[in-house]
N, C-alpha and C. Protein backbone atom coordinates (compact mmCIF):
# COMPACT_ATOMS: atom_id res chain seq x y z
N MET A 1 -30.28 63.93 84.39
CA MET A 1 -30.81 62.95 83.45
C MET A 1 -29.87 61.75 83.37
N GLU A 2 -30.45 60.56 83.39
CA GLU A 2 -29.67 59.32 83.30
C GLU A 2 -29.68 58.81 81.86
N VAL A 3 -28.51 58.55 81.31
CA VAL A 3 -28.37 58.01 79.95
C VAL A 3 -27.71 56.65 80.05
N SER A 4 -28.33 55.65 79.40
CA SER A 4 -27.78 54.29 79.49
C SER A 4 -28.12 53.51 78.23
N LEU A 5 -27.44 52.37 78.07
CA LEU A 5 -27.71 51.44 76.97
C LEU A 5 -28.34 50.18 77.54
N SER A 6 -29.45 49.75 76.95
CA SER A 6 -30.13 48.56 77.44
C SER A 6 -30.95 47.93 76.33
N GLN A 7 -30.71 46.66 76.06
CA GLN A 7 -31.47 45.88 75.08
C GLN A 7 -31.50 46.55 73.70
N GLY A 8 -30.39 47.13 73.31
CA GLY A 8 -30.31 47.76 72.01
C GLY A 8 -30.85 49.17 71.96
N TYR A 9 -31.30 49.69 73.09
CA TYR A 9 -31.85 51.04 73.17
C TYR A 9 -30.88 51.99 73.85
N LEU A 10 -30.80 53.19 73.33
CA LEU A 10 -30.16 54.30 74.05
C LEU A 10 -31.26 54.94 74.87
N ARG A 11 -31.10 54.88 76.18
CA ARG A 11 -32.18 55.22 77.10
C ARG A 11 -31.91 56.54 77.81
N PHE A 12 -32.91 57.43 77.75
CA PHE A 12 -32.83 58.71 78.45
C PHE A 12 -33.93 58.73 79.50
N ALA A 13 -33.54 58.89 80.75
CA ALA A 13 -34.52 58.83 81.83
C ALA A 13 -34.28 59.98 82.80
N ARG A 14 -35.39 60.51 83.29
CA ARG A 14 -35.33 61.53 84.33
C ARG A 14 -36.41 61.18 85.36
N GLU A 15 -36.08 61.31 86.61
CA GLU A 15 -37.00 60.92 87.68
C GLU A 15 -38.32 61.67 87.55
N GLY A 16 -39.41 60.91 87.59
CA GLY A 16 -40.73 61.51 87.50
C GLY A 16 -41.19 61.83 86.09
N ARG A 17 -40.37 61.52 85.09
CA ARG A 17 -40.72 61.80 83.70
C ARG A 17 -40.78 60.50 82.90
N ALA A 18 -41.42 60.58 81.73
CA ALA A 18 -41.48 59.42 80.85
C ALA A 18 -40.08 59.10 80.31
N VAL A 19 -39.82 57.82 80.10
CA VAL A 19 -38.53 57.37 79.58
C VAL A 19 -38.54 57.48 78.05
N PHE A 20 -37.48 58.00 77.49
CA PHE A 20 -37.34 58.15 76.04
C PHE A 20 -36.23 57.22 75.57
N ARG A 21 -36.54 56.31 74.60
CA ARG A 21 -35.56 55.32 74.16
C ARG A 21 -35.44 55.33 72.63
N ILE A 22 -34.22 55.17 72.15
CA ILE A 22 -33.94 55.11 70.72
C ILE A 22 -33.25 53.79 70.42
N HIS A 23 -33.83 52.97 69.55
CA HIS A 23 -33.26 51.68 69.21
C HIS A 23 -32.26 51.82 68.07
N TRP A 24 -31.30 50.90 68.04
CA TRP A 24 -30.25 50.99 67.02
C TRP A 24 -30.80 50.81 65.60
N THR A 25 -32.00 50.22 65.47
CA THR A 25 -32.59 50.01 64.14
C THR A 25 -33.25 51.26 63.57
N LEU A 26 -33.34 52.33 64.35
CA LEU A 26 -33.99 53.55 63.85
C LEU A 26 -33.34 54.07 62.57
N PRO A 27 -32.00 54.21 62.50
CA PRO A 27 -31.40 54.69 61.25
C PRO A 27 -31.72 53.80 60.05
N LEU A 28 -31.79 52.49 60.27
CA LEU A 28 -32.13 51.58 59.18
C LEU A 28 -33.56 51.82 58.70
N GLY A 29 -34.47 51.98 59.64
CA GLY A 29 -35.86 52.26 59.27
C GLY A 29 -36.00 53.56 58.52
N VAL A 30 -35.28 54.59 58.97
CA VAL A 30 -35.32 55.89 58.29
C VAL A 30 -34.78 55.76 56.87
N ALA A 31 -33.71 54.98 56.71
CA ALA A 31 -33.14 54.77 55.37
C ALA A 31 -34.15 54.09 54.45
N ILE A 32 -34.90 53.14 54.99
CA ILE A 32 -35.92 52.46 54.18
C ILE A 32 -37.04 53.43 53.81
N PHE A 33 -37.48 54.23 54.78
CA PHE A 33 -38.55 55.19 54.52
C PHE A 33 -38.15 56.20 53.45
N THR A 34 -36.88 56.54 53.40
CA THR A 34 -36.39 57.52 52.42
C THR A 34 -35.76 56.84 51.20
N ARG A 35 -36.05 55.54 51.02
CA ARG A 35 -35.62 54.76 49.84
C ARG A 35 -34.09 54.78 49.65
N PHE A 36 -33.39 54.77 50.75
CA PHE A 36 -31.92 54.66 50.78
C PHE A 36 -31.22 55.79 50.02
N HIS A 37 -31.90 56.92 49.88
CA HIS A 37 -31.26 58.09 49.28
C HIS A 37 -30.41 58.80 50.32
N PHE A 38 -29.34 59.42 49.86
CA PHE A 38 -28.57 60.26 50.78
C PHE A 38 -29.30 61.59 50.89
N ALA A 39 -30.10 61.71 51.93
CA ALA A 39 -30.95 62.89 52.09
C ALA A 39 -31.02 63.22 53.58
N PRO A 40 -29.99 63.85 54.12
CA PRO A 40 -29.94 64.09 55.57
C PRO A 40 -31.11 64.91 56.09
N TYR A 41 -31.59 65.87 55.30
CA TYR A 41 -32.73 66.67 55.76
C TYR A 41 -34.00 65.81 55.80
N ALA A 42 -34.12 64.92 54.85
CA ALA A 42 -35.26 64.01 54.86
C ALA A 42 -35.17 63.05 56.05
N TRP A 43 -33.96 62.60 56.37
CA TRP A 43 -33.79 61.74 57.54
C TRP A 43 -34.26 62.45 58.81
N ALA A 44 -33.82 63.68 58.97
CA ALA A 44 -34.20 64.44 60.16
C ALA A 44 -35.71 64.66 60.21
N ALA A 45 -36.31 64.96 59.05
CA ALA A 45 -37.76 65.18 59.00
C ALA A 45 -38.51 63.89 59.32
N CYS A 46 -37.97 62.76 58.88
CA CYS A 46 -38.62 61.47 59.15
C CYS A 46 -38.61 61.16 60.64
N VAL A 47 -37.47 61.38 61.29
CA VAL A 47 -37.39 61.16 62.74
C VAL A 47 -38.35 62.10 63.47
N ALA A 48 -38.37 63.36 63.04
CA ALA A 48 -39.28 64.33 63.67
C ALA A 48 -40.73 63.91 63.50
N LEU A 49 -41.06 63.36 62.34
CA LEU A 49 -42.42 62.91 62.08
C LEU A 49 -42.81 61.76 63.00
N ILE A 50 -41.89 60.82 63.20
CA ILE A 50 -42.17 59.70 64.11
C ILE A 50 -42.35 60.20 65.54
N VAL A 51 -41.49 61.12 65.95
CA VAL A 51 -41.60 61.69 67.30
C VAL A 51 -42.94 62.40 67.46
N PHE A 52 -43.33 63.17 66.46
CA PHE A 52 -44.59 63.92 66.54
C PHE A 52 -45.77 62.96 66.61
N HIS A 53 -45.69 61.86 65.88
CA HIS A 53 -46.74 60.85 65.93
C HIS A 53 -46.90 60.31 67.36
N GLU A 54 -45.80 59.96 67.98
CA GLU A 54 -45.86 59.41 69.34
C GLU A 54 -46.31 60.46 70.35
N LEU A 55 -45.93 61.71 70.12
CA LEU A 55 -46.39 62.78 71.01
C LEU A 55 -47.90 62.98 70.89
N GLY A 56 -48.44 62.69 69.70
CA GLY A 56 -49.90 62.74 69.54
C GLY A 56 -50.59 61.73 70.43
N HIS A 57 -50.04 60.51 70.49
CA HIS A 57 -50.58 59.51 71.42
C HIS A 57 -50.44 60.01 72.86
N ALA A 58 -49.27 60.53 73.19
CA ALA A 58 -49.02 60.98 74.57
C ALA A 58 -49.98 62.10 74.96
N ALA A 59 -50.29 62.99 74.03
CA ALA A 59 -51.22 64.09 74.33
C ALA A 59 -52.61 63.55 74.66
N MET A 60 -53.07 62.54 73.92
CA MET A 60 -54.37 61.94 74.21
C MET A 60 -54.36 61.21 75.55
N VAL A 61 -53.26 60.53 75.84
CA VAL A 61 -53.14 59.83 77.13
C VAL A 61 -53.29 60.83 78.28
N ARG A 62 -52.59 61.93 78.18
CA ARG A 62 -52.64 62.94 79.25
C ARG A 62 -53.99 63.65 79.28
N ALA A 63 -54.64 63.78 78.14
CA ALA A 63 -55.96 64.41 78.11
C ALA A 63 -56.97 63.59 78.91
N PHE A 64 -56.78 62.28 78.96
CA PHE A 64 -57.66 61.41 79.74
C PHE A 64 -57.12 61.19 81.15
N ARG A 65 -56.12 61.98 81.54
CA ARG A 65 -55.53 61.90 82.89
C ARG A 65 -54.93 60.52 83.18
N LEU A 66 -54.37 59.91 82.15
CA LEU A 66 -53.63 58.67 82.31
C LEU A 66 -52.13 58.99 82.32
N ARG A 67 -51.30 57.98 82.45
CA ARG A 67 -49.86 58.21 82.63
C ARG A 67 -49.07 57.72 81.43
N VAL A 68 -48.23 58.61 80.88
CA VAL A 68 -47.30 58.23 79.83
C VAL A 68 -46.07 57.63 80.49
N VAL A 69 -45.78 56.37 80.19
CA VAL A 69 -44.64 55.67 80.79
C VAL A 69 -43.36 55.93 80.01
N GLY A 70 -43.45 55.90 78.69
CA GLY A 70 -42.26 56.11 77.88
C GLY A 70 -42.57 56.16 76.40
N ILE A 71 -41.60 56.60 75.63
CA ILE A 71 -41.71 56.65 74.17
C ILE A 71 -40.48 55.98 73.57
N ASP A 72 -40.72 55.04 72.66
CA ASP A 72 -39.65 54.33 71.96
C ASP A 72 -39.62 54.75 70.50
N LEU A 73 -38.42 54.88 69.95
CA LEU A 73 -38.23 55.06 68.52
C LEU A 73 -37.41 53.88 68.02
N HIS A 74 -37.87 53.24 66.94
CA HIS A 74 -37.16 52.08 66.41
C HIS A 74 -37.32 52.02 64.90
N GLY A 75 -36.78 50.97 64.30
CA GLY A 75 -36.79 50.87 62.85
C GLY A 75 -38.16 50.78 62.24
N GLY A 76 -39.14 50.32 62.99
CA GLY A 76 -40.51 50.22 62.48
C GLY A 76 -41.35 51.43 62.76
N GLY A 77 -40.79 52.43 63.40
CA GLY A 77 -41.55 53.64 63.73
C GLY A 77 -41.35 54.01 65.18
N GLY A 78 -42.39 53.86 65.97
CA GLY A 78 -42.28 54.23 67.38
C GLY A 78 -43.37 53.57 68.19
N LEU A 79 -43.34 53.81 69.48
CA LEU A 79 -44.31 53.23 70.39
C LEU A 79 -44.43 54.12 71.62
N CYS A 80 -45.66 54.42 71.98
CA CYS A 80 -45.93 55.20 73.19
C CYS A 80 -46.46 54.25 74.26
N HIS A 81 -45.71 54.11 75.34
CA HIS A 81 -46.13 53.25 76.45
C HIS A 81 -46.92 54.09 77.45
N TRP A 82 -48.09 53.60 77.86
CA TRP A 82 -48.88 54.33 78.84
C TRP A 82 -49.58 53.35 79.77
N SER A 83 -50.02 53.86 80.89
CA SER A 83 -50.70 53.01 81.87
C SER A 83 -51.91 53.75 82.42
N GLY A 84 -52.84 52.99 82.95
CA GLY A 84 -54.05 53.57 83.51
C GLY A 84 -55.26 52.77 83.09
N ASP A 85 -56.36 53.02 83.76
CA ASP A 85 -57.60 52.29 83.52
C ASP A 85 -58.42 53.01 82.46
N ALA A 86 -58.08 52.81 81.20
CA ALA A 86 -58.78 53.47 80.10
C ALA A 86 -59.98 52.65 79.65
N THR A 87 -61.05 53.31 79.28
CA THR A 87 -62.20 52.63 78.69
C THR A 87 -61.86 52.26 77.24
N PRO A 88 -62.61 51.33 76.64
CA PRO A 88 -62.38 51.02 75.22
C PRO A 88 -62.47 52.25 74.32
N LEU A 89 -63.39 53.16 74.64
CA LEU A 89 -63.51 54.38 73.84
C LEU A 89 -62.27 55.25 73.98
N GLN A 90 -61.76 55.40 75.20
CA GLN A 90 -60.55 56.20 75.41
C GLN A 90 -59.35 55.57 74.71
N ALA A 91 -59.24 54.24 74.76
CA ALA A 91 -58.13 53.56 74.10
C ALA A 91 -58.18 53.79 72.59
N ALA A 92 -59.38 53.80 72.02
CA ALA A 92 -59.52 54.05 70.58
C ALA A 92 -59.13 55.48 70.23
N VAL A 93 -59.53 56.43 71.07
CA VAL A 93 -59.16 57.83 70.82
C VAL A 93 -57.65 58.01 70.92
N ILE A 94 -57.04 57.37 71.91
CA ILE A 94 -55.58 57.43 72.05
C ILE A 94 -54.90 56.88 70.80
N ALA A 95 -55.44 55.80 70.25
CA ALA A 95 -54.87 55.22 69.03
C ALA A 95 -54.93 56.20 67.86
N TRP A 96 -55.98 57.02 67.81
CA TRP A 96 -56.10 58.02 66.74
C TRP A 96 -55.18 59.21 66.97
N GLY A 97 -54.65 59.37 68.18
CA GLY A 97 -53.83 60.54 68.48
C GLY A 97 -52.64 60.71 67.57
N GLY A 98 -51.97 59.60 67.22
CA GLY A 98 -50.81 59.69 66.34
C GLY A 98 -51.18 60.13 64.94
N ILE A 99 -52.30 59.60 64.41
CA ILE A 99 -52.75 59.99 63.07
C ILE A 99 -53.16 61.46 63.04
N VAL A 100 -53.84 61.90 64.09
CA VAL A 100 -54.22 63.32 64.16
C VAL A 100 -52.98 64.20 64.14
N ALA A 101 -51.94 63.80 64.87
CA ALA A 101 -50.70 64.57 64.88
C ALA A 101 -50.09 64.62 63.48
N GLN A 102 -50.13 63.51 62.76
CA GLN A 102 -49.59 63.50 61.40
C GLN A 102 -50.38 64.41 60.47
N VAL A 103 -51.69 64.44 60.64
CA VAL A 103 -52.51 65.33 59.82
C VAL A 103 -52.18 66.79 60.11
N LEU A 104 -51.91 67.10 61.38
CA LEU A 104 -51.54 68.47 61.74
C LEU A 104 -50.22 68.88 61.10
N VAL A 105 -49.37 67.91 60.80
CA VAL A 105 -48.13 68.19 60.07
C VAL A 105 -48.39 68.25 58.56
N LEU A 106 -49.24 67.34 58.09
CA LEU A 106 -49.49 67.21 56.65
C LEU A 106 -50.11 68.46 56.04
N VAL A 107 -51.11 69.02 56.70
CA VAL A 107 -51.86 70.14 56.11
C VAL A 107 -50.97 71.35 55.82
N PRO A 108 -50.21 71.86 56.80
CA PRO A 108 -49.34 73.00 56.47
C PRO A 108 -48.23 72.64 55.49
N ALA A 109 -47.75 71.38 55.52
CA ALA A 109 -46.70 70.97 54.58
C ALA A 109 -47.22 71.02 53.15
N VAL A 110 -48.44 70.53 52.93
CA VAL A 110 -49.04 70.57 51.59
C VAL A 110 -49.25 72.02 51.15
N ALA A 111 -49.72 72.84 52.08
CA ALA A 111 -49.94 74.26 51.75
C ALA A 111 -48.64 74.93 51.32
N LEU A 112 -47.58 74.70 52.07
CA LEU A 112 -46.29 75.30 51.72
C LEU A 112 -45.77 74.77 50.38
N TYR A 113 -45.96 73.49 50.15
CA TYR A 113 -45.45 72.86 48.93
C TYR A 113 -46.05 73.51 47.68
N PHE A 114 -47.34 73.86 47.75
CA PHE A 114 -48.01 74.44 46.58
C PHE A 114 -47.95 75.96 46.55
N LEU A 115 -47.75 76.58 47.69
CA LEU A 115 -47.74 78.05 47.73
C LEU A 115 -46.37 78.65 47.45
N LEU A 116 -45.32 77.94 47.87
CA LEU A 116 -43.97 78.49 47.67
C LEU A 116 -43.56 78.39 46.21
N PRO A 117 -42.93 79.43 45.68
CA PRO A 117 -42.49 79.39 44.28
C PRO A 117 -41.33 78.41 44.11
N GLY A 118 -41.34 77.67 43.02
CA GLY A 118 -40.26 76.71 42.77
C GLY A 118 -39.20 77.28 41.87
N PRO A 119 -38.09 76.57 41.72
CA PRO A 119 -37.79 75.33 42.43
C PRO A 119 -37.39 75.59 43.88
N LEU A 120 -37.74 74.65 44.74
CA LEU A 120 -37.45 74.81 46.16
C LEU A 120 -36.00 74.47 46.45
N PRO A 121 -35.41 75.10 47.47
CA PRO A 121 -34.07 74.70 47.91
C PRO A 121 -34.05 73.23 48.30
N MET A 122 -32.90 72.59 48.14
CA MET A 122 -32.79 71.16 48.38
C MET A 122 -33.28 70.77 49.77
N ALA A 123 -32.84 71.50 50.79
CA ALA A 123 -33.20 71.16 52.16
C ALA A 123 -34.71 71.23 52.35
N LEU A 124 -35.33 72.31 51.88
CA LEU A 124 -36.77 72.48 52.05
C LEU A 124 -37.54 71.44 51.24
N ASP A 125 -37.04 71.12 50.06
CA ASP A 125 -37.71 70.11 49.22
C ASP A 125 -37.68 68.75 49.90
N GLN A 126 -36.54 68.39 50.50
CA GLN A 126 -36.45 67.11 51.21
C GLN A 126 -37.40 67.07 52.40
N VAL A 127 -37.43 68.15 53.15
CA VAL A 127 -38.27 68.20 54.35
C VAL A 127 -39.75 68.10 53.97
N LEU A 128 -40.19 68.92 53.01
CA LEU A 128 -41.60 68.92 52.64
C LEU A 128 -42.01 67.60 52.00
N SER A 129 -41.15 67.04 51.18
CA SER A 129 -41.47 65.74 50.56
C SER A 129 -41.66 64.67 51.62
N THR A 130 -40.82 64.70 52.65
CA THR A 130 -40.94 63.72 53.73
C THR A 130 -42.21 63.95 54.53
N LEU A 131 -42.49 65.20 54.85
CA LEU A 131 -43.67 65.52 55.66
C LEU A 131 -44.97 65.30 54.91
N ILE A 132 -44.89 65.14 53.59
CA ILE A 132 -46.09 64.86 52.81
C ILE A 132 -46.16 63.38 52.42
N PHE A 133 -45.21 62.93 51.61
CA PHE A 133 -45.31 61.60 51.03
C PHE A 133 -44.96 60.49 52.04
N THR A 134 -43.87 60.65 52.76
CA THR A 134 -43.55 59.67 53.80
C THR A 134 -44.62 59.67 54.88
N ASN A 135 -45.13 60.84 55.18
CA ASN A 135 -46.21 60.99 56.15
C ASN A 135 -47.42 60.15 55.74
N LEU A 136 -47.82 60.25 54.48
CA LEU A 136 -48.98 59.49 54.00
C LEU A 136 -48.73 57.99 54.08
N VAL A 137 -47.53 57.56 53.70
CA VAL A 137 -47.21 56.13 53.75
C VAL A 137 -47.26 55.61 55.19
N LEU A 138 -46.65 56.36 56.11
CA LEU A 138 -46.67 55.95 57.51
C LEU A 138 -48.09 55.92 58.06
N GLY A 139 -48.89 56.91 57.66
CA GLY A 139 -50.27 56.96 58.12
C GLY A 139 -51.07 55.76 57.65
N LEU A 140 -50.91 55.37 56.39
CA LEU A 140 -51.63 54.22 55.85
C LEU A 140 -51.21 52.93 56.55
N PHE A 141 -49.91 52.78 56.80
CA PHE A 141 -49.44 51.60 57.51
C PHE A 141 -50.03 51.55 58.92
N ASN A 142 -50.03 52.70 59.59
CA ASN A 142 -50.52 52.74 60.97
C ASN A 142 -52.01 52.45 61.08
N LEU A 143 -52.75 52.68 60.01
CA LEU A 143 -54.20 52.45 60.05
C LEU A 143 -54.58 51.02 59.68
N MET A 144 -53.60 50.16 59.43
CA MET A 144 -53.93 48.76 59.17
C MET A 144 -54.56 48.15 60.43
N PRO A 145 -55.71 47.46 60.29
CA PRO A 145 -56.45 46.98 61.47
C PRO A 145 -55.89 45.69 62.06
N ILE A 146 -54.60 45.62 62.22
CA ILE A 146 -53.96 44.45 62.81
C ILE A 146 -52.90 44.92 63.81
N ARG A 147 -52.59 44.04 64.76
CA ARG A 147 -51.50 44.35 65.68
C ARG A 147 -50.18 44.35 64.94
N PRO A 148 -49.22 45.19 65.28
CA PRO A 148 -49.21 46.16 66.38
C PRO A 148 -49.58 47.57 65.94
N PHE A 149 -50.26 47.70 64.79
CA PHE A 149 -50.55 49.03 64.25
C PHE A 149 -51.70 49.69 65.01
N ASP A 150 -51.74 51.02 64.91
CA ASP A 150 -52.78 51.79 65.61
C ASP A 150 -54.18 51.43 65.15
N GLY A 151 -54.31 51.04 63.88
CA GLY A 151 -55.62 50.72 63.35
C GLY A 151 -56.32 49.59 64.07
N TYR A 152 -55.55 48.74 64.76
CA TYR A 152 -56.14 47.63 65.51
C TYR A 152 -57.15 48.14 66.53
N ARG A 153 -56.84 49.26 67.16
CA ARG A 153 -57.77 49.86 68.12
C ARG A 153 -58.51 51.06 67.55
N ALA A 154 -57.86 51.78 66.65
CA ALA A 154 -58.43 53.03 66.16
C ALA A 154 -59.77 52.83 65.47
N TRP A 155 -59.88 51.80 64.62
CA TRP A 155 -61.12 51.60 63.88
C TRP A 155 -62.27 51.18 64.77
N GLY A 156 -61.98 50.74 65.99
CA GLY A 156 -63.05 50.41 66.93
C GLY A 156 -63.77 51.63 67.46
N LEU A 157 -63.24 52.83 67.19
CA LEU A 157 -63.87 54.05 67.70
C LEU A 157 -65.28 54.22 67.16
N PHE A 158 -65.49 53.96 65.89
CA PHE A 158 -66.77 54.26 65.26
C PHE A 158 -67.90 53.33 65.72
N PRO A 159 -67.68 52.01 65.84
CA PRO A 159 -68.71 51.17 66.45
C PRO A 159 -69.03 51.57 67.89
N LEU A 160 -68.01 51.98 68.64
CA LEU A 160 -68.24 52.41 70.02
C LEU A 160 -69.09 53.68 70.07
N LEU A 161 -68.83 54.62 69.16
CA LEU A 161 -69.63 55.84 69.12
C LEU A 161 -71.07 55.54 68.75
N ARG A 162 -71.27 54.64 67.77
CA ARG A 162 -72.64 54.28 67.38
C ARG A 162 -73.36 53.59 68.52
N ALA A 163 -72.67 52.69 69.21
CA ALA A 163 -73.29 52.00 70.35
C ALA A 163 -73.65 52.99 71.45
N GLY A 164 -72.80 53.97 71.68
CA GLY A 164 -73.08 54.98 72.69
C GLY A 164 -74.30 55.81 72.35
N ARG A 165 -74.43 56.18 71.06
CA ARG A 165 -75.60 56.96 70.64
C ARG A 165 -76.88 56.14 70.79
N ARG A 166 -76.81 54.85 70.42
CA ARG A 166 -78.00 54.01 70.56
C ARG A 166 -78.39 53.86 72.02
N ALA A 167 -77.39 53.69 72.90
CA ALA A 167 -77.69 53.53 74.33
C ALA A 167 -78.32 54.80 74.90
N ARG A 168 -77.79 55.97 74.50
CA ARG A 168 -78.37 57.22 74.99
C ARG A 168 -79.79 57.42 74.47
N ALA A 169 -80.01 57.06 73.20
CA ALA A 169 -81.36 57.20 72.63
C ALA A 169 -82.35 56.29 73.35
N THR A 170 -81.93 55.06 73.64
CA THR A 170 -82.79 54.12 74.36
C THR A 170 -83.09 54.63 75.76
N GLN A 171 -82.08 55.14 76.43
CA GLN A 171 -82.27 55.67 77.78
C GLN A 171 -83.22 56.85 77.77
N ASN A 172 -83.08 57.73 76.79
CA ASN A 172 -83.96 58.89 76.70
C ASN A 172 -85.40 58.48 76.44
N ARG A 173 -85.59 57.47 75.57
CA ARG A 173 -86.96 57.00 75.30
C ARG A 173 -87.59 56.40 76.54
N ARG A 174 -86.82 55.61 77.28
CA ARG A 174 -87.34 55.01 78.50
C ARG A 174 -87.67 56.08 79.53
N ALA A 175 -86.79 57.07 79.66
CA ALA A 175 -87.02 58.14 80.62
C ALA A 175 -88.29 58.91 80.27
N LYS A 176 -88.46 59.19 78.98
CA LYS A 176 -89.64 59.94 78.55
C LYS A 176 -90.91 59.13 78.80
N ALA A 177 -90.85 57.82 78.51
CA ALA A 177 -92.03 56.97 78.71
C ALA A 177 -92.40 56.88 80.19
N LEU A 178 -91.40 56.69 81.06
CA LEU A 178 -91.68 56.61 82.49
C LEU A 178 -92.22 57.92 83.03
N ALA A 179 -91.67 59.02 82.56
CA ALA A 179 -92.14 60.32 83.02
C ALA A 179 -93.57 60.57 82.55
N GLU A 180 -93.88 60.17 81.31
CA GLU A 180 -95.25 60.34 80.81
C GLU A 180 -96.22 59.47 81.60
N MET A 181 -95.80 58.24 81.94
CA MET A 181 -96.66 57.37 82.74
C MET A 181 -96.92 57.97 84.12
N ALA A 182 -95.86 58.52 84.72
CA ALA A 182 -96.03 59.13 86.04
C ALA A 182 -96.95 60.33 85.97
N GLY A 183 -96.79 61.15 84.92
CA GLY A 183 -97.65 62.32 84.77
C GLY A 183 -99.09 61.95 84.52
N GLU A 184 -99.31 60.92 83.68
CA GLU A 184 -100.68 60.49 83.39
C GLU A 184 -101.35 59.92 84.63
N ALA A 185 -100.60 59.13 85.40
CA ALA A 185 -101.16 58.59 86.64
C ALA A 185 -101.52 59.70 87.61
N LYS A 186 -100.70 60.72 87.68
CA LYS A 186 -100.96 61.85 88.57
C LYS A 186 -102.22 62.60 88.14
N ARG A 187 -102.34 62.86 86.83
CA ARG A 187 -103.51 63.60 86.35
C ARG A 187 -104.79 62.80 86.52
N SER A 188 -104.71 61.48 86.23
CA SER A 188 -105.89 60.62 86.36
C SER A 188 -106.35 60.56 87.80
N SER A 189 -105.41 60.44 88.71
CA SER A 189 -105.76 60.37 90.13
C SER A 189 -106.36 61.67 90.62
N GLU A 190 -105.85 62.80 90.11
CA GLU A 190 -106.39 64.09 90.52
C GLU A 190 -107.82 64.27 90.01
N ARG A 191 -108.08 63.82 88.76
CA ARG A 191 -109.42 63.99 88.20
C ARG A 191 -110.44 63.16 88.97
N LYS A 192 -110.05 61.94 89.32
CA LYS A 192 -110.97 61.08 90.04
C LYS A 192 -111.04 61.41 91.53
N GLN A 193 -110.10 62.21 91.98
CA GLN A 193 -110.04 62.63 93.38
C GLN A 193 -110.14 61.43 94.32
N LEU A 194 -109.26 60.46 94.06
CA LEU A 194 -109.25 59.25 94.88
C LEU A 194 -108.13 59.26 95.91
N ARG A 195 -107.56 60.43 96.13
CA ARG A 195 -106.39 60.46 97.00
C ARG A 195 -106.69 61.18 98.30
N SER A 196 -106.19 60.62 99.35
CA SER A 196 -106.18 61.31 100.63
C SER A 196 -104.97 62.24 100.65
N PRO A 197 -104.87 63.19 101.57
CA PRO A 197 -103.68 64.05 101.66
C PRO A 197 -102.40 63.25 101.77
N GLU A 198 -102.45 62.10 102.49
CA GLU A 198 -101.24 61.29 102.61
C GLU A 198 -100.86 60.67 101.26
N GLN A 199 -101.88 60.24 100.48
CA GLN A 199 -101.60 59.68 99.16
C GLN A 199 -101.04 60.73 98.21
N VAL A 200 -101.57 61.96 98.33
CA VAL A 200 -101.06 63.05 97.49
C VAL A 200 -99.59 63.28 97.77
N GLU A 201 -99.24 63.33 99.05
CA GLU A 201 -97.85 63.59 99.41
C GLU A 201 -96.95 62.43 98.97
N ALA A 202 -97.42 61.19 99.12
CA ALA A 202 -96.62 60.03 98.70
C ALA A 202 -96.40 60.04 97.20
N LEU A 203 -97.46 60.38 96.43
CA LEU A 203 -97.32 60.42 94.97
C LEU A 203 -96.37 61.52 94.54
N ARG A 204 -96.43 62.65 95.22
CA ARG A 204 -95.51 63.74 94.89
C ARG A 204 -94.05 63.32 95.13
N ARG A 205 -93.83 62.56 96.22
CA ARG A 205 -92.47 62.10 96.49
C ARG A 205 -91.99 61.14 95.40
N VAL A 206 -92.88 60.22 94.98
CA VAL A 206 -92.52 59.29 93.90
C VAL A 206 -92.24 60.05 92.62
N TYR A 207 -93.12 61.01 92.32
CA TYR A 207 -92.95 61.82 91.11
C TYR A 207 -91.63 62.60 91.15
N GLY A 208 -91.33 63.18 92.31
CA GLY A 208 -90.08 63.92 92.45
C GLY A 208 -88.86 63.02 92.27
N THR A 209 -88.96 61.78 92.78
CA THR A 209 -87.84 60.84 92.61
C THR A 209 -87.62 60.51 91.15
N LEU A 210 -88.72 60.31 90.40
CA LEU A 210 -88.60 60.04 88.97
C LEU A 210 -87.93 61.18 88.24
N VAL A 211 -88.34 62.40 88.57
CA VAL A 211 -87.76 63.57 87.92
C VAL A 211 -86.27 63.66 88.21
N ASP A 212 -85.89 63.45 89.48
CA ASP A 212 -84.47 63.56 89.86
C ASP A 212 -83.62 62.49 89.18
N GLU A 213 -84.13 61.25 89.14
CA GLU A 213 -83.34 60.15 88.60
C GLU A 213 -83.26 60.19 87.08
N LEU A 214 -84.36 60.56 86.43
CA LEU A 214 -84.39 60.53 84.97
C LEU A 214 -83.95 61.83 84.34
N GLY A 215 -83.98 62.91 85.11
CA GLY A 215 -83.60 64.19 84.54
C GLY A 215 -84.64 64.73 83.58
N VAL A 216 -85.87 64.26 83.69
CA VAL A 216 -86.94 64.71 82.79
C VAL A 216 -88.06 65.24 83.65
N ARG A 217 -88.56 66.41 83.35
CA ARG A 217 -89.64 67.03 84.12
C ARG A 217 -90.93 66.97 83.33
N VAL A 218 -91.98 66.51 83.97
CA VAL A 218 -93.31 66.48 83.35
C VAL A 218 -94.09 67.67 83.85
N GLU A 219 -94.71 68.42 82.94
CA GLU A 219 -95.46 69.59 83.35
C GLU A 219 -96.70 69.16 84.11
N GLU A 220 -96.92 69.79 85.24
CA GLU A 220 -98.06 69.46 86.07
C GLU A 220 -99.28 70.23 85.60
N ASP A 221 -100.46 69.57 85.66
CA ASP A 221 -101.71 70.26 85.34
C ASP A 221 -102.06 71.20 86.48
N ASP A 222 -102.76 72.28 86.15
CA ASP A 222 -103.24 73.19 87.18
C ASP A 222 -104.32 72.50 87.99
N GLU A 223 -104.37 72.79 89.24
CA GLU A 223 -105.41 72.23 90.09
C GLU A 223 -106.77 72.75 89.64
N PRO A 224 -107.81 71.89 89.55
CA PRO A 224 -109.14 72.35 89.14
C PRO A 224 -109.74 73.26 90.19
C-alpha cells in the first residue's frame, strides 16, 4: 500500500483498488458535528458514520457494475468518486445509496437506545447519540436539492420512475392495440375467405412478427 500526502489529503492507495483520502479538515468537521464537546467516542462514531455513508454510494456504484475510483473524507463529510456510463436513473439511485446506509445505521441505533436500560455508559451514550442525532442532521443536509449535496440528484429519482411507468403503460397500450388490429384483420380475412394460400402464409408471417416484436399473443380463432 502506498501512503502519501497530496493537496491536504493523507492518501492511501493500492494498485487496482479505490483510493482512500483523508483531508486535514476532517477533525474540524467532526468537532463541529459534535458541537465542540470533548467526546472521543462520538468523534469515532461520526467518522464511522461518514465512512458508512460513502460506502453506501460505493455499493450502489458496484451494483450497477460501474467503477469506484476513490473515497474522500473531509470537513464537510465525504465524497465517493466513481466512473462509468450511468443512466440518469442509476445516478439517482447511487445518490440515495448514502442515505440508505445511514438509515441502516439509524434503525438499530434507535432500537438500542430505547431498549437498553439506563443510564447508559458514557461511551455507549456518545456512540448512540451520534448514530441517531448527528445521523439525522447529516441526512437532512445531504438531502438538500442543491450541489454538492446528494439531494441534487437523489430527488430526481421519483420523476424518472413516474416517467418510466408512463412510458411502459403507453408501450403496452400500443402493443395491445396493434395486436388486436392484427387479430381482427386475420379473422375478417378468414371469414370473407379472400386469401389465397400465399396470402395466408404471408399474413401468418406478419402476425408472427408482430407477436415476436410486441411480446403480445392474440388468440387465434378456430378454423370454420
